[in-house]
Amino acid sequence: MLGFEPGPTVIEQPVAAIGAQAMRPLYERIAHPGRPVRKVTLSGRAVRRGSS
């Protein structure tokens, strides 16, 4: 693993939840093509490290 000093501040994303939430509407759209499109928003979090 590469190390950076100071450590960079990053936005942590819920990767597994993003994948699950991406597939669920796709399956729903295939099963029910006439349903309206819905928007899903997932939260990330800032991980503050030495760069900020």
Protein backbone atom coordinates (compact mmCIF):
# COMPACT_ATOMS: atom_id res chain seq x y z
CA MET A 1 0.00 0.00 0.00
CA LEU A 2 1.27 3.45 -0.84
CA GLY A 3 1.62 5.83 2.04
CA PHE A 4 1.04 9.53 1.83
CA GLU A 5 2.12 12.04 4.46
CA PRO A 6 0.15 13.84 5.55
CA GLY A 7 -2.71 11.39 4.98
CA PRO A 8 -5.27 12.73 2.50
CA THR A 9 -8.75 13.71 3.63
CA VAL A 10 -11.26 11.55 1.75
CA ILE A 11 -14.98 10.91 1.40
CA GLU A 12 -15.84 7.38 2.48
CA GLN A 13 -18.64 5.87 0.38
CA PRO A 14 -20.89 2.92 1.30
CA VAL A 15 -19.75 0.77 -1.64
CA ALA A 16 -21.85 -2.34 -0.84
CA ALA A 17 -24.98 -0.24 -0.34
CA ILE A 18 -24.35 1.61 -3.60
CA GLY A 19 -24.18 -1.71 -5.46
CA ALA A 20 -27.33 -3.03 -3.82
CA GLN A 21 -29.23 0.21 -4.41
CA ALA A 22 -28.12 0.25 -8.05
CA MET A 23 -29.37 -3.26 -8.74
CA ARG A 24 -32.72 -3.09 -6.91
CA PRO A 25 -34.23 -0.38 -9.18
CA LEU A 26 -32.88 -2.18 -12.24
CA TYR A 27 -34.70 -5.38 -11.29
CA GLU A 28 -37.84 -3.38 -10.46
CA ARG A 29 -37.66 -1.63 -13.85
CA ILE A 30 -37.38 -4.97 -15.66
CA ALA A 31 -40.34 -6.41 -13.72
CA HIS A 32 -42.47 -3.23 -13.93
CA PRO A 33 -41.33 -1.05 -16.86
CA GLY A 34 -44.15 1.47 -16.43
CA ARG A 35 -43.30 2.52 -12.88
CA PRO A 36 -41.88 6.01 -12.44
CA VAL A 37 -38.17 6.49 -11.90
CA ARG A 38 -37.18 7.07 -8.28
CA LYS A 39 -34.13 8.77 -6.85
CA VAL A 40 -32.07 7.16 -4.09
CA THR A 41 -29.55 9.16 -2.06
CA LEU A 42 -26.97 7.47 0.14
CA SER A 43 -24.78 9.22 2.66
CA GLY A 44 -21.02 9.25 2.70
CA ARG A 45 -18.80 10.63 5.42
CA ALA A 46 -15.73 12.80 5.44
CA VAL A 47 -12.63 11.14 6.89
CA ARG A 48 -10.37 13.98 7.98
CA ARG A 49 -6.70 13.23 8.00
CA GLY A 50 -3.54 15.30 8.09
CA SER A 51 -4.07 17.08 4.78
CA SER A 52 -6.84 19.30 6.12
